[in-house]
Amino acid sequence: MGAALALGHALGVNALIAAEILPEIEAVMVRTLNAQMEGSRHG
């Protein structure tokens, strides 16, 4: 989480906003990673 907040800070994103939307971003990242891993397993 610290790295994500640091990245947001570097991009000029308010830390409170970044902390608020981080769970949604994390969920998308996990779904995408899972889909990629599933695809590599079958193809």
C-alpha atoms as a PDB file:
ATOM      1  CA  MET A   1       0.000   0.000   0.000  1.00  0.00           C
ATOM      2  CA  GLY A   2       2.893   2.314   0.733  1.00  0.00           C
ATOM      3  CA  ALA A   3       4.221   1.901  -2.784  1.00  0.00           C
ATOM      4  CA  ALA A   4       0.817   2.628  -4.288  1.00  0.00           C
ATOM      5  CA  LEU A   5       0.471   5.787  -2.213  1.00  0.00           C
ATOM      6  CA  ALA A   6       3.999   6.847  -3.173  1.00  0.00           C
ATOM      7  CA  LEU A   7       3.150   6.332  -6.846  1.00  0.00           C
ATOM      8  CA  GLY A   8      -0.016   8.368  -6.432  1.00  0.00           C
ATOM      9  CA  HIS A   9       1.959  11.131  -4.746  1.00  0.00           C
ATOM     10  CA  ALA A  10       4.485  11.123  -7.601  1.00  0.00           C
ATOM     11  CA  LEU A  11       1.593  11.488 -10.049  1.00  0.00           C
ATOM     12  CA  GLY A  12       0.123  14.350  -8.042  1.00  0.00           C
ATOM     13  CA  VAL A  13      -2.856  12.422  -6.661  1.00  0.00           C
ATOM     14  CA  ASN A  14      -4.136  13.439  -3.238  1.00  0.00           C
ATOM     15  CA  ALA A  15      -3.258  10.723  -0.684  1.00  0.00           C
ATOM     16  CA  LEU A  16      -6.821  10.595   0.693  1.00  0.00           C
ATOM     17  CA  ILE A  17      -8.249  10.070  -2.778  1.00  0.00           C
ATOM     18  CA  ALA A  18      -5.645   7.438  -3.587  1.00  0.00           C
ATOM     19  CA  ALA A  19      -6.423   5.572  -0.348  1.00  0.00           C
ATOM     20  CA  GLU A  20     -10.140   5.753  -1.127  1.00  0.00           C
ATOM     21  CA  ILE A  21      -9.865   4.240  -4.626  1.00  0.00           C
ATOM     22  CA  LEU A  22      -7.018   1.816  -3.910  1.00  0.00           C
ATOM     23  CA  PRO A  23      -9.290  -1.161  -3.071  1.00  0.00           C
ATOM     24  CA  GLU A  24     -11.078  -0.852  -6.424  1.00  0.00           C
ATOM     25  CA  ILE A  25      -7.781  -0.613  -8.307  1.00  0.00           C
ATOM     26  CA  GLU A  26      -6.435  -3.614  -6.416  1.00  0.00           C
ATOM     27  CA  ALA A  27      -9.534  -5.663  -7.275  1.00  0.00           C
ATOM     28  CA  VAL A  28      -9.108  -4.924 -10.987  1.00  0.00           C
ATOM     29  CA  MET A  29      -5.421  -5.819 -10.812  1.00  0.00           C
ATOM     30  CA  VAL A  30      -6.173  -9.147  -9.100  1.00  0.00           C
ATOM     31  CA  ARG A  31      -8.902 -10.069 -11.618  1.00  0.00           C
ATOM     32  CA  THR A  32      -6.597  -9.208 -14.528  1.00  0.00           C
ATOM     33  CA  LEU A  33      -3.693 -11.160 -13.081  1.00  0.00           C
ATOM     34  CA  ASN A  34      -5.929 -14.173 -12.425  1.00  0.00           C
ATOM     35  CA  ALA A  35      -7.264 -14.056 -15.987  1.00  0.00           C
ATOM     36  CA  GLN A  36      -3.743 -13.893 -17.391  1.00  0.00           C
ATOM     37  CA  MET A  37      -2.600 -16.806 -15.231  1.00  0.00           C
ATOM     38  CA  GLU A  38      -5.642 -18.850 -16.235  1.00  0.00           C
ATOM     39  CA  GLY A  39      -4.984 -18.095 -19.909  1.00  0.00           C
ATOM     40  CA  SER A  40      -1.352 -19.157 -19.695  1.00  0.00           C
ATOM     41  CA  ARG A  41      -2.380 -22.391 -18.021  1.00  0.00           C
ATOM     42  CA  HIS A  42      -4.738 -23.314 -20.882  1.00  0.00           C
ATOM     43  CA  GLY A  43      -2.873 -21.928 -23.815  1.00  0.00           C
END
